[in-house]
Amino acid sequence: IEWRQRARLRREIMTLSERDLSDMGLTRLDAFNETCKP
C-alpha cells in the first residue's frame, strides 16, 4: 500500500503547476528528481 501510494504521488507531483511547487518549497527540478526515484 505504501509503495503504491508513493508511486501515485510521484506521478501526481509532475502535474503540479510552478506556483503549486513553489508553495511547497520545490522547484521543477526537485519534482523531476523525486519522480525519478523508484
Full PDB file with SEQRES, HELIX, SHEET, SSBOND, CRYST1, ORIGX, SCALE, CONECT and MASTER records, all heavy atoms in Angstrom:
SEQRES   1 A   38  ILE GLU TRP ARG GLN ARG ALA ARG LEU ARG ARG GLU ILE          
SEQRES   2 A   38  MET THR LEU SER GLU ARG ASP LEU SER ASP MET GLY LEU          
SEQRES   3 A   38  THR ARG LEU ASP ALA PHE ASN GLU THR CYS LYS PRO              
HELIX    1 AA1 GLU A    2  ILE A   13  1                                  12    
HELIX    2 AA2 GLU A   18  ASP A   23  1                                   6    
HELIX    3 AA3 ARG A   28  CYS A   36  1                                   9    
CRYST1    1.000    1.000    1.000  90.00  90.00  90.00 P 1           1          
ORIGX1      1.000000  0.000000  0.000000        0.00000                         
ORIGX2      0.000000  1.000000  0.000000        0.00000                         
ORIGX3      0.000000  0.000000  1.000000        0.00000                         
SCALE1      1.000000  0.000000  0.000000        0.00000                         
SCALE2      0.000000  1.000000  0.000000        0.00000                         
SCALE3      0.000000  0.000000  1.000000        0.00000                         
ATOM      1  N   ILE A   1       0.837  -1.201   0.000  1.00  0.00           N  
ATOM      2  CA  ILE A   1       0.000   0.000   0.000  1.00  0.00           C  
ATOM      3  C   ILE A   1       0.870   1.247   0.000  1.00  0.00           C  
ATOM      4  O   ILE A   1       0.611   2.200  -0.735  1.00  0.00           O  
ATOM      5  CB  ILE A   1      -0.967  -0.017   1.201  1.00  0.00           C  
ATOM      6  CG1 ILE A   1      -2.035  -1.090   0.989  1.00  0.00           C  
ATOM      7  CG2 ILE A   1      -1.597   1.344   1.431  1.00  0.00           C  
ATOM      8  CD1 ILE A   1      -2.884  -1.372   2.222  1.00  0.00           C  
ATOM      9  N   GLU A   2       1.915   1.230   0.816  1.00  0.00           N  
ATOM     10  CA  GLU A   2       2.824   2.380   0.876  1.00  0.00           C  
ATOM     11  C   GLU A   2       3.526   2.594  -0.456  1.00  0.00           C  
ATOM     12  O   GLU A   2       3.620   3.719  -0.945  1.00  0.00           O  
ATOM     13  CB  GLU A   2       3.863   2.172   1.975  1.00  0.00           C  
ATOM     14  CG  GLU A   2       4.824   3.333   2.119  1.00  0.00           C  
ATOM     15  CD  GLU A   2       5.853   3.105   3.201  1.00  0.00           C  
ATOM     16  OE1 GLU A   2       5.633   2.254   4.078  1.00  0.00           O  
ATOM     17  OE2 GLU A   2       6.890   3.791   3.157  1.00  0.00           O  
ATOM     18  N   TRP A   3       3.994   1.510  -1.088  1.00  0.00           N  
ATOM     19  CA  TRP A   3       4.653   1.628  -2.384  1.00  0.00           C  
ATOM     20  C   TRP A   3       3.713   2.176  -3.445  1.00  0.00           C  
ATOM     21  O   TRP A   3       4.095   3.010  -4.259  1.00  0.00           O  
ATOM     22  CB  TRP A   3       5.179   0.275  -2.828  1.00  0.00           C  
ATOM     23  CG  TRP A   3       6.434  -0.167  -2.136  1.00  0.00           C  
ATOM     24  CD1 TRP A   3       7.225   0.557  -1.285  1.00  0.00           C  
ATOM     25  CD2 TRP A   3       7.043  -1.451  -2.241  1.00  0.00           C  
ATOM     26  NE1 TRP A   3       8.272  -0.206  -0.863  1.00  0.00           N  
ATOM     27  CE2 TRP A   3       8.200  -1.446  -1.431  1.00  0.00           C  
ATOM     28  CE3 TRP A   3       6.719  -2.609  -2.932  1.00  0.00           C  
ATOM     29  CZ2 TRP A   3       9.033  -2.550  -1.316  1.00  0.00           C  
ATOM     30  CZ3 TRP A   3       7.553  -3.713  -2.809  1.00  0.00           C  
ATOM     31  CH2 TRP A   3       8.698  -3.670  -2.013  1.00  0.00           C  
ATOM     32  N   ARG A   4       2.485   1.694  -3.441  1.00  0.00           N  
ATOM     33  CA  ARG A   4       1.507   2.149  -4.431  1.00  0.00           C  
ATOM     34  C   ARG A   4       1.191   3.628  -4.258  1.00  0.00           C  
ATOM     35  O   ARG A   4       1.125   4.381  -5.234  1.00  0.00           O  
ATOM     36  CB  ARG A   4       0.231   1.314  -4.296  1.00  0.00           C  
ATOM     37  CG  ARG A   4      -0.643   1.373  -5.501  1.00  0.00           C  
ATOM     38  CD  ARG A   4      -1.672   0.291  -5.431  1.00  0.00           C  
ATOM     39  NE  ARG A   4      -2.964   0.922  -5.581  1.00  0.00           N  
ATOM     40  CZ  ARG A   4      -4.102   0.406  -5.202  1.00  0.00           C  
ATOM     41  NH1 ARG A   4      -4.130  -0.754  -4.633  1.00  0.00           N  
ATOM     42  NH2 ARG A   4      -5.215   1.040  -5.392  1.00  0.00           N  
ATOM     43  N   GLN A   5       1.046   4.040  -3.000  1.00  0.00           N  
ATOM     44  CA  GLN A   5       0.771   5.452  -2.731  1.00  0.00           C  
ATOM     45  C   GLN A   5       1.964   6.321  -3.136  1.00  0.00           C  
ATOM     46  O   GLN A   5       1.791   7.384  -3.730  1.00  0.00           O  
ATOM     47  CB  GLN A   5       0.456   5.650  -1.256  1.00  0.00           C  
ATOM     48  CG  GLN A   5       0.135   7.088  -0.906  1.00  0.00           C  
ATOM     49  CD  GLN A   5      -0.150   7.268   0.577  1.00  0.00           C  
ATOM     50  OE1 GLN A   5       0.252   6.456   1.394  1.00  0.00           O  
ATOM     51  NE2 GLN A   5      -0.826   8.341   0.907  1.00  0.00           N  
ATOM     52  N   ARG A   6       3.168   5.853  -2.842  1.00  0.00           N  
ATOM     53  CA  ARG A   6       4.366   6.605  -3.192  1.00  0.00           C  
ATOM     54  C   ARG A   6       4.475   6.779  -4.703  1.00  0.00           C  
ATOM     55  O   ARG A   6       4.785   7.867  -5.197  1.00  0.00           O  
ATOM     56  CB  ARG A   6       5.580   5.868  -2.642  1.00  0.00           C  
ATOM     57  CG  ARG A   6       6.824   6.699  -2.580  1.00  0.00           C  
ATOM     58  CD  ARG A   6       7.970   5.918  -1.996  1.00  0.00           C  
ATOM     59  NE  ARG A   6       7.767   5.690  -0.570  1.00  0.00           N  
ATOM     60  CZ  ARG A   6       8.405   4.761   0.131  1.00  0.00           C  
ATOM     61  NH1 ARG A   6       9.286   3.964  -0.451  1.00  0.00           N  
ATOM     62  NH2 ARG A   6       8.189   4.614   1.412  1.00  0.00           N  
ATOM     63  N   ALA A   7       4.202   5.722  -5.461  1.00  0.00           N  
ATOM     64  CA  ALA A   7       4.255   5.795  -6.923  1.00  0.00           C  
ATOM     65  C   ALA A   7       3.209   6.765  -7.459  1.00  0.00           C  
ATOM     66  O   ALA A   7       3.488   7.566  -8.357  1.00  0.00           O  
ATOM     67  CB  ALA A   7       4.058   4.408  -7.524  1.00  0.00           C  
ATOM     68  N   ARG A   8       2.000   6.698  -6.893  1.00  0.00           N  
ATOM     69  CA  ARG A   8       0.929   7.597  -7.343  1.00  0.00           C  
ATOM     70  C   ARG A   8       1.279   9.046  -7.060  1.00  0.00           C  
ATOM     71  O   ARG A   8       1.119   9.926  -7.910  1.00  0.00           O  
ATOM     72  CB  ARG A   8      -0.382   7.231  -6.649  1.00  0.00           C  
ATOM     73  CG  ARG A   8      -1.570   8.082  -7.109  1.00  0.00           C  
ATOM     74  CD  ARG A   8      -2.860   7.693  -6.402  1.00  0.00           C  
ATOM     75  NE  ARG A   8      -2.746   7.629  -4.952  1.00  0.00           N  
ATOM     76  CZ  ARG A   8      -2.798   8.696  -4.137  1.00  0.00           C  
ATOM     77  NH1 ARG A   8      -2.956   9.898  -4.637  1.00  0.00           N  
ATOM     78  NH2 ARG A   8      -2.713   8.556  -2.828  1.00  0.00           N  
ATOM     79  N   LEU A   9       1.787   9.329  -5.866  1.00  0.00           N  
ATOM     80  CA  LEU A   9       2.142  10.700  -5.508  1.00  0.00           C  
ATOM     81  C   LEU A   9       3.267  11.236  -6.379  1.00  0.00           C  
ATOM     82  O   LEU A   9       3.273  12.419  -6.742  1.00  0.00           O  
ATOM     83  CB  LEU A   9       2.529  10.777  -4.028  1.00  0.00           C  
ATOM     84  CG  LEU A   9       1.395  10.577  -3.040  1.00  0.00           C  
ATOM     85  CD1 LEU A   9       1.931  10.517  -1.610  1.00  0.00           C  
ATOM     86  CD2 LEU A   9       0.365  11.686  -3.167  1.00  0.00           C  
ATOM     87  N   ARG A  10       4.198  10.370  -6.738  1.00  0.00           N  
ATOM     88  CA  ARG A  10       5.303  10.812  -7.599  1.00  0.00           C  
ATOM     89  C   ARG A  10       4.821  11.125  -9.006  1.00  0.00           C  
ATOM     90  O   ARG A  10       5.351  12.020  -9.656  1.00  0.00           O  
ATOM     91  CB  ARG A  10       6.412   9.767  -7.601  1.00  0.00           C  
ATOM     92  CG  ARG A  10       7.147   9.769  -6.278  1.00  0.00           C  
ATOM     93  CD  ARG A  10       8.293   8.819  -6.223  1.00  0.00           C  
ATOM     94  NE  ARG A  10       8.945   8.966  -4.929  1.00  0.00           N  
ATOM     95  CZ  ARG A  10       9.742   8.074  -4.397  1.00  0.00           C  
ATOM     96  NH1 ARG A  10      10.018   6.969  -5.044  1.00  0.00           N  
ATOM     97  NH2 ARG A  10      10.279   8.280  -3.211  1.00  0.00           N  
ATOM     98  N   ARG A  11       3.822  10.397  -9.483  1.00  0.00           N  
ATOM     99  CA  ARG A  11       3.245  10.739 -10.794  1.00  0.00           C  
ATOM    100  C   ARG A  11       2.487  12.060 -10.707  1.00  0.00           C  
ATOM    101  O   ARG A  11       2.553  12.890 -11.607  1.00  0.00           O  
ATOM    102  CB  ARG A  11       2.299   9.635 -11.258  1.00  0.00           C  
ATOM    103  CG  ARG A  11       2.988   8.424 -11.815  1.00  0.00           C  
ATOM    104  CD  ARG A  11       2.012   7.486 -12.506  1.00  0.00           C  
ATOM    105  NE  ARG A  11       0.865   7.125 -11.690  1.00  0.00           N  
ATOM    106  CZ  ARG A  11       0.806   6.090 -10.863  1.00  0.00           C  
ATOM    107  NH1 ARG A  11       1.853   5.294 -10.733  1.00  0.00           N  
ATOM    108  NH2 ARG A  11      -0.278   5.828 -10.160  1.00  0.00           N  
ATOM    109  N   GLU A  12       1.763  12.256  -9.611  1.00  0.00           N  
ATOM    110  CA  GLU A  12       0.954  13.472  -9.462  1.00  0.00           C  
ATOM    111  C   GLU A  12       1.803  14.726  -9.309  1.00  0.00           C  
ATOM    112  O   GLU A  12       1.386  15.808  -9.713  1.00  0.00           O  
ATOM    113  CB  GLU A  12       0.020  13.337  -8.270  1.00  0.00           C  
ATOM    114  CG  GLU A  12      -1.129  12.392  -8.498  1.00  0.00           C  
ATOM    115  CD  GLU A  12      -2.037  12.250  -7.283  1.00  0.00           C  
ATOM    116  OE1 GLU A  12      -1.826  12.960  -6.284  1.00  0.00           O  
ATOM    117  OE2 GLU A  12      -2.955  11.420  -7.355  1.00  0.00           O  
ATOM    118  N   ILE A  13       2.979  14.600  -8.721  1.00  0.00           N  
ATOM    119  CA  ILE A  13       3.795  15.789  -8.488  1.00  0.00           C  
ATOM    120  C   ILE A  13       4.198  16.466  -9.800  1.00  0.00           C  
ATOM    121  O   ILE A  13       4.362  17.678  -9.856  1.00  0.00           O  
ATOM    122  CB  ILE A  13       5.034  15.461  -7.620  1.00  0.00           C  
ATOM    123  CG1 ILE A  13       5.614  16.736  -7.020  1.00  0.00           C  
ATOM    124  CG2 ILE A  13       6.082  14.714  -8.391  1.00  0.00           C  
ATOM    125  CD1 ILE A  13       6.661  16.495  -5.972  1.00  0.00           C  
ATOM    126  N   MET A  14       4.322  15.668 -10.857  1.00  0.00           N  
ATOM    127  CA  MET A  14       4.692  16.257 -12.147  1.00  0.00           C  
ATOM    128  C   MET A  14       3.548  17.033 -12.789  1.00  0.00           C  
ATOM    129  O   MET A  14       3.772  17.814 -13.699  1.00  0.00           O  
ATOM    130  CB  MET A  14       5.193  15.172 -13.101  1.00  0.00           C  
ATOM    131  CG  MET A  14       6.555  14.627 -12.728  1.00  0.00           C  
ATOM    132  SD  MET A  14       7.841  15.882 -12.491  1.00  0.00           S  
ATOM    133  CE  MET A  14       8.094  16.441 -14.162  1.00  0.00           C  
ATOM    134  N   THR A  15       2.344  16.842 -12.300  1.00  0.00           N  
ATOM    135  CA  THR A  15       1.207  17.573 -12.864  1.00  0.00           C  
ATOM    136  C   THR A  15       0.984  18.914 -12.170  1.00  0.00           C  
ATOM    137  O   THR A  15       0.141  19.689 -12.606  1.00  0.00           O  
ATOM    138  CB  THR A  15      -0.093  16.739 -12.765  1.00  0.00           C  
ATOM    139  OG1 THR A  15      -0.414  16.554 -11.384  1.00  0.00           O  
ATOM    140  CG2 THR A  15       0.073  15.387 -13.443  1.00  0.00           C  
ATOM    141  N   LEU A  16       1.734  19.176 -11.102  1.00  0.00           N  
ATOM    142  CA  LEU A  16       1.551  20.430 -10.359  1.00  0.00           C  
ATOM    143  C   LEU A  16       2.120  21.610 -11.140  1.00  0.00           C  
ATOM    144  O   LEU A  16       3.102  21.480 -11.870  1.00  0.00           O  
ATOM    145  CB  LEU A  16       2.240  20.341  -8.998  1.00  0.00           C  
ATOM    146  CG  LEU A  16       1.696  19.305  -8.029  1.00  0.00           C  
ATOM    147  CD1 LEU A  16       2.564  19.254  -6.779  1.00  0.00           C  
ATOM    148  CD2 LEU A  16       0.255  19.602  -7.659  1.00  0.00           C  
ATOM    149  N   SER A  17       1.506  22.752 -10.947  1.00  0.00           N  
ATOM    150  CA  SER A  17       1.988  23.967 -11.601  1.00  0.00           C  
ATOM    151  C   SER A  17       3.228  24.493 -10.876  1.00  0.00           C  
ATOM    152  O   SER A  17       3.538  24.085  -9.754  1.00  0.00           O  
ATOM    153  CB  SER A  17       0.894  25.039 -11.578  1.00  0.00           C  
ATOM    154  OG  SER A  17       0.691  25.488 -10.241  1.00  0.00           O  
ATOM    155  N   GLU A  18       3.916  25.419 -11.517  1.00  0.00           N  
ATOM    156  CA  GLU A  18       5.097  26.036 -10.903  1.00  0.00           C  
ATOM    157  C   GLU A  18       4.714  26.725  -9.588  1.00  0.00           C  
ATOM    158  O   GLU A  18       5.464  26.691  -8.624  1.00  0.00           O  
ATOM    159  CB  GLU A  18       5.722  27.057 -11.860  1.00  0.00           C  
ATOM    160  CG  GLU A  18       6.280  26.458 -13.128  1.00  0.00           C  
ATOM    161  CD  GLU A  18       7.435  25.516 -12.884  1.00  0.00           C  
ATOM    162  OE1 GLU A  18       8.225  25.731 -11.938  1.00  0.00           O  
ATOM    163  OE2 GLU A  18       7.544  24.528 -13.626  1.00  0.00           O  
ATOM    164  N   ARG A  19       3.538  27.338  -9.575  1.00  0.00           N  
ATOM    165  CA  ARG A  19       3.090  28.021  -8.358  1.00  0.00           C  
ATOM    166  C   ARG A  19       2.841  27.030  -7.224  1.00  0.00           C  
ATOM    167  O   ARG A  19       3.211  27.283  -6.080  1.00  0.00           O  
ATOM    168  CB  ARG A  19       1.818  28.811  -8.652  1.00  0.00           C  
ATOM    169  CG  ARG A  19       1.347  29.582  -7.454  1.00  0.00           C  
ATOM    170  CD  ARG A  19       0.167  30.447  -7.773  1.00  0.00           C  
ATOM    171  NE  ARG A  19      -0.270  31.089  -6.548  1.00  0.00           N  
ATOM    172  CZ  ARG A  19      -0.895  32.232  -6.504  1.00  0.00           C  
ATOM    173  NH1 ARG A  19      -1.177  32.868  -7.619  1.00  0.00           N  
ATOM    174  NH2 ARG A  19      -1.261  32.745  -5.370  1.00  0.00           N  
ATOM    175  N   ASP A  20       2.196  25.911  -7.546  1.00  0.00           N  
ATOM    176  CA  ASP A  20       1.960  24.884  -6.526  1.00  0.00           C  
ATOM    177  C   ASP A  20       3.278  24.349  -5.969  1.00  0.00           C  
ATOM    178  O   ASP A  20       3.426  24.169  -4.763  1.00  0.00           O  
ATOM    179  CB  ASP A  20       1.153  23.715  -7.098  1.00  0.00           C  
ATOM    180  CG  ASP A  20      -0.273  24.109  -7.431  1.00  0.00           C  
ATOM    181  OD1 ASP A  20      -0.796  25.055  -6.805  1.00  0.00           O  
ATOM    182  OD2 ASP A  20      -0.864  23.458  -8.316  1.00  0.00           O  
ATOM    183  N   LEU A  21       4.222  24.094  -6.869  1.00  0.00           N  
ATOM    184  CA  LEU A  21       5.528  23.617  -6.429  1.00  0.00           C  
ATOM    185  C   LEU A  21       6.217  24.661  -5.554  1.00  0.00           C  
ATOM    186  O   LEU A  21       6.806  24.337  -4.523  1.00  0.00           O  
ATOM    187  CB  LEU A  21       6.410  23.266  -7.632  1.00  0.00           C  
ATOM    188  CG  LEU A  21       6.001  22.038  -8.426  1.00  0.00           C  
ATOM    189  CD1 LEU A  21       6.820  21.937  -9.712  1.00  0.00           C  
ATOM    190  CD2 LEU A  21       6.161  20.782  -7.594  1.00  0.00           C  
ATOM    191  N   SER A  22       6.132  25.902  -5.979  1.00  0.00           N  
ATOM    192  CA  SER A  22       6.739  26.992  -5.214  1.00  0.00           C  
ATOM    193  C   SER A  22       6.122  27.102  -3.828  1.00  0.00           C  
ATOM    194  O   SER A  22       6.834  27.330  -2.842  1.00  0.00           O  
ATOM    195  CB  SER A  22       6.578  28.309  -5.974  1.00  0.00           C  
ATOM    196  OG  SER A  22       7.090  29.373  -5.218  1.00  0.00           O  
ATOM    197  N   ASP A  23       4.817  26.933  -3.736  1.00  0.00           N  
ATOM    198  CA  ASP A  23       4.133  26.973  -2.432  1.00  0.00           C  
ATOM    199  C   ASP A  23       4.633  25.870  -1.510  1.00  0.00           C  
ATOM    200  O   ASP A  23       4.638  26.035  -0.289  1.00  0.00           O  
ATOM    201  CB  ASP A  23       2.613  26.832  -2.609  1.00  0.00           C  
ATOM    202  CG  ASP A  23       1.972  28.079  -3.191  1.00  0.00           C  
ATOM    203  OD1 ASP A  23       2.636  29.136  -3.228  1.00  0.00           O  
ATOM    204  OD2 ASP A  23       0.807  27.985  -3.622  1.00  0.00           O  
ATOM    205  N   MET A  24       5.056  24.767  -2.089  1.00  0.00           N  
ATOM    206  CA  MET A  24       5.571  23.648  -1.298  1.00  0.00           C  
ATOM    207  C   MET A  24       7.075  23.764  -1.075  1.00  0.00           C  
ATOM    208  O   MET A  24       7.680  22.913  -0.434  1.00  0.00           O  
ATOM    209  CB  MET A  24       5.260  22.320  -1.994  1.00  0.00           C  
ATOM    210  CG  MET A  24       3.787  22.042  -2.072  1.00  0.00           C  
ATOM    211  SD  MET A  24       3.273  20.452  -2.786  1.00  0.00           S  
ATOM    212  CE  MET A  24       4.624  19.856  -3.690  1.00  0.00           C  
ATOM    213  N   GLY A  25       7.699  24.800  -1.644  1.00  0.00           N  
ATOM    214  CA  GLY A  25       9.134  24.981  -1.493  1.00  0.00           C  
ATOM    215  C   GLY A  25       9.955  24.095  -2.411  1.00  0.00           C  
ATOM    216  O   GLY A  25      11.096  23.760  -2.105  1.00  0.00           O  
ATOM    217  N   LEU A  26       9.364  23.707  -3.549  1.00  0.00           N  
ATOM    218  CA  LEU A  26      10.043  22.832  -4.502  1.00  0.00           C  
ATOM    219  C   LEU A  26      10.233  23.524  -5.838  1.00  0.00           C  
ATOM    220  O   LEU A  26       9.480  24.428  -6.190  1.00  0.00           O  
ATOM    221  CB  LEU A  26       9.224  21.558  -4.733  1.00  0.00           C  
ATOM    222  CG  LEU A  26       8.981  20.655  -3.533  1.00  0.00           C  
ATOM    223  CD1 LEU A  26       8.010  19.545  -3.893  1.00  0.00           C  
ATOM    224  CD2 LEU A  26      10.283  20.074  -3.023  1.00  0.00           C  
ATOM    225  N   THR A  27      11.231  23.088  -6.572  1.00  0.00           N  
ATOM    226  CA  THR A  27      11.420  23.548  -7.938  1.00  0.00           C  
ATOM    227  C   THR A  27      10.986  22.422  -8.878  1.00  0.00           C  
ATOM    228  O   THR A  27      10.751  21.291  -8.449  1.00  0.00           O  
ATOM    229  CB  THR A  27      12.902  23.874  -8.209  1.00  0.00           C  
ATOM    230  OG1 THR A  27      13.667  22.675  -8.092  1.00  0.00           O  
ATOM    231  CG2 THR A  27      13.428  24.919  -7.229  1.00  0.00           C  
ATOM    232  N   ARG A  28      10.927  22.721 -10.158  1.00  0.00           N  
ATOM    233  CA  ARG A  28      10.580  21.694 -11.143  1.00  0.00           C  
ATOM    234  C   ARG A  28      11.654  20.597 -11.138  1.00  0.00           C  
ATOM    235  O   ARG A  28      11.349  19.419 -11.274  1.00  0.00           O  
ATOM    236  CB  ARG A  28      10.465  22.340 -12.537  1.00  0.00           C  
ATOM    237  CG  ARG A  28      10.091  21.425 -13.650  1.00  0.00           C  
ATOM    238  CD  ARG A  28       8.789  20.713 -13.507  1.00  0.00           C  
ATOM    239  NE  ARG A  28       7.658  21.611 -13.390  1.00  0.00           N  
ATOM    240  CZ  ARG A  28       6.433  21.241 -13.039  1.00  0.00           C  
ATOM    241  NH1 ARG A  28       6.179  19.970 -12.797  1.00  0.00           N  
ATOM    242  NH2 ARG A  28       5.470  22.101 -12.918  1.00  0.00           N  
ATOM    243  N   LEU A  29      12.913  20.992 -10.912  1.00  0.00           N  
ATOM    244  CA  LEU A  29      13.990  20.004 -10.842  1.00  0.00           C  
ATOM    245  C   LEU A  29      13.815  19.087  -9.634  1.00  0.00           C  
ATOM    246  O   LEU A  29      14.025  17.877  -9.733  1.00  0.00           O  
ATOM    247  CB  LEU A  29      15.355  20.704 -10.787  1.00  0.00           C  
ATOM    248  CG  LEU A  29      16.578  19.794 -10.748  1.00  0.00           C  
ATOM    249  CD1 LEU A  29      16.627  18.890 -11.980  1.00  0.00           C  
ATOM    250  CD2 LEU A  29      17.844  20.610 -10.633  1.00  0.00           C  
ATOM    251  N   ASP A  30      13.407  19.657  -8.489  1.00  0.00           N  
ATOM    252  CA  ASP A  30      13.124  18.826  -7.314  1.00  0.00           C  
ATOM    253  C   ASP A  30      12.025  17.813  -7.622  1.00  0.00           C  
ATOM    254  O   ASP A  30      12.115  16.647  -7.244  1.00  0.00           O  
ATOM    255  CB  ASP A  30      12.684  19.683  -6.120  1.00  0.00           C  
ATOM    256  CG  ASP A  30      13.766  20.613  -5.611  1.00  0.00           C  
ATOM    257  OD1 ASP A  30      14.960  20.273  -5.745  1.00  0.00           O  
ATOM    258  OD2 ASP A  30      13.397  21.683  -5.072  1.00  0.00           O  
ATOM    259  N   ALA A  31      10.990  18.274  -8.289  1.00  0.00           N  
ATOM    260  CA  ALA A  31       9.876  17.395  -8.640  1.00  0.00           C  
ATOM    261  C   ALA A  31      10.344  16.294  -9.587  1.00  0.00           C  
ATOM    262  O   ALA A  31       9.995  15.124  -9.424  1.00  0.00           O  
ATOM    263  CB  ALA A  31       8.752  18.199  -9.281  1.00  0.00           C  
ATOM    264  N   PHE A  32      11.158  16.663 -10.561  1.00  0.00           N  
ATOM    265  CA  PHE A  32      11.673  15.677 -11.506  1.00  0.00           C  
ATOM    266  C   PHE A  32      12.539  14.641 -10.793  1.00  0.00           C  
ATOM    267  O   PHE A  32      12.413  13.441 -11.036  1.00  0.00           O  
ATOM    268  CB  PHE A  32      12.474  16.368 -12.611  1.00  0.00           C  
ATOM    269  CG  PHE A  32      13.080  15.413 -13.589  1.00  0.00           C  
ATOM    270  CD1 PHE A  32      12.296  14.794 -14.550  1.00  0.00           C  
ATOM    271  CD2 PHE A  32      14.432  15.117 -13.532  1.00  0.00           C  
ATOM    272  CE1 PHE A  32      12.851  13.895 -15.444  1.00  0.00           C  
ATOM    273  CE2 PHE A  32      14.994  14.220 -14.420  1.00  0.00           C  
ATOM    274  CZ  PHE A  32      14.213  13.607 -15.385  1.00  0.00           C  
ATOM    275  N   ASN A  33      13.424  15.112  -9.921  1.00  0.00           N  
ATOM    276  CA  ASN A  33      14.288  14.188  -9.175  1.00  0.00           C  
ATOM    277  C   ASN A  33      13.472  13.237  -8.304  1.00  0.00           C  
ATOM    278  O   ASN A  33      13.813  12.065  -8.161  1.00  0.00           O  
ATOM    279  CB  ASN A  33      15.292  14.956  -8.324  1.00  0.00           C  
ATOM    280  CG  ASN A  33      16.368  15.617  -9.157  1.00  0.00           C  
ATOM    281  OD1 ASN A  33      16.662  15.193 -10.262  1.00  0.00           O  
ATOM    282  ND2 ASN A  33      16.948  16.676  -8.627  1.00  0.00           N  
ATOM    283  N   GLU A  34      12.396  13.731  -7.730  1.00  0.00           N  
ATOM    284  CA  GLU A  34      11.532  12.879  -6.901  1.00  0.00           C  
ATOM    285  C   GLU A  34      10.853  11.815  -7.749  1.00  0.00           C  
ATOM    286  O   GLU A  34      10.739  10.665  -7.342  1.00  0.00           O  
ATOM    287  CB  GLU A  34      10.498  13.739  -6.181  1.00  0.00           C  
ATOM    288  CG  GLU A  34       9.643  12.989  -5.206  1.00  0.00           C  
ATOM    289  CD  GLU A  34      10.403  12.420  -4.017  1.00  0.00           C  
ATOM    290  OE1 GLU A  34      11.442  12.952  -3.629  1.00  0.00           O  
ATOM    291  OE2 GLU A  34       9.930  11.395  -3.479  1.00  0.00           O  
ATOM    292  N   THR A  35      10.407  12.171  -8.922  1.00  0.00           N  
ATOM    293  CA  THR A  35       9.705  11.203  -9.770  1.00  0.00           C  
ATOM    294  C   THR A  35      10.653  10.178 -10.379  1.00  0.00           C  
ATOM    295  O   THR A  35      10.206   9.107 -10.794  1.00  0.00           O  
ATOM    296  CB  THR A  35       8.918  11.905 -10.899  1.00  0.00           C  
ATOM    297  OG1 THR A  35       9.825  12.670 -11.694  1.00  0.00           O  
ATOM    298  CG2 THR A  35       7.838  12.787 -10.340  1.00  0.00           C  
ATOM    299  N   CYS A  36      11.935  10.470 -10.414  1.00  0.00           N  
ATOM    300  CA  CYS A  36      12.909   9.516 -10.949  1.00  0.00           C  
ATOM    301  C   CYS A  36      13.263   8.423  -9.947  1.00  0.00           C  
ATOM    302  O   CYS A  36      13.838   7.402 -10.332  1.00  0.00           O  
ATOM    303  CB  CYS A  36      14.177  10.244 -11.381  1.00  0.00           C  
ATOM    304  SG  CYS A  36      13.949  11.233 -12.862  1.00  0.00           S  
ATOM    305  N   LYS A  37      12.908   8.620  -8.703  1.00  0.00           N  
ATOM    306  CA  LYS A  37      13.204   7.604  -7.682  1.00  0.00           C  
ATOM    307  C   LYS A  37      12.305   6.387  -7.888  1.00  0.00           C  
ATOM    308  O   LYS A  37      11.147   6.525  -8.259  1.00  0.00           O  
ATOM    309  CB  LYS A  37      12.912   8.136  -6.277  1.00  0.00           C  
ATOM    310  CG  LYS A  37      13.868   9.178  -5.786  1.00  0.00           C  
ATOM    311  CD  LYS A  37      13.456   9.548  -4.358  1.00  0.00           C  
ATOM    312  CE  LYS A  37      14.224  10.680  -3.795  1.00  0.00           C  
ATOM    313  NZ  LYS A  37      13.737  11.027  -2.440  1.00  0.00           N  
ATOM    314  N   PRO A  38      12.837   5.204  -7.625  1.00  0.00           N  
ATOM    315  CA  PRO A  38      11.982   4.019  -7.698  1.00  0.00           C  
ATOM    316  C   PRO A  38      10.946   4.037  -6.544  1.00  0.00           C  
ATOM    317  O   PRO A  38      11.196   4.649  -5.506  1.00  0.00           O  
ATOM    318  CB  PRO A  38      12.945   2.838  -7.524  1.00  0.00           C  
ATOM    319  CG  PRO A  38      14.247   3.414  -7.130  1.00  0.00           C  
ATOM    320  CD  PRO A  38      14.219   4.880  -7.339  1.00  0.00           C  
TER     321      PRO A  38                                                      
MASTER        0    0    0    3    0    0    0    6  320    1    0    3          
END                                                                             
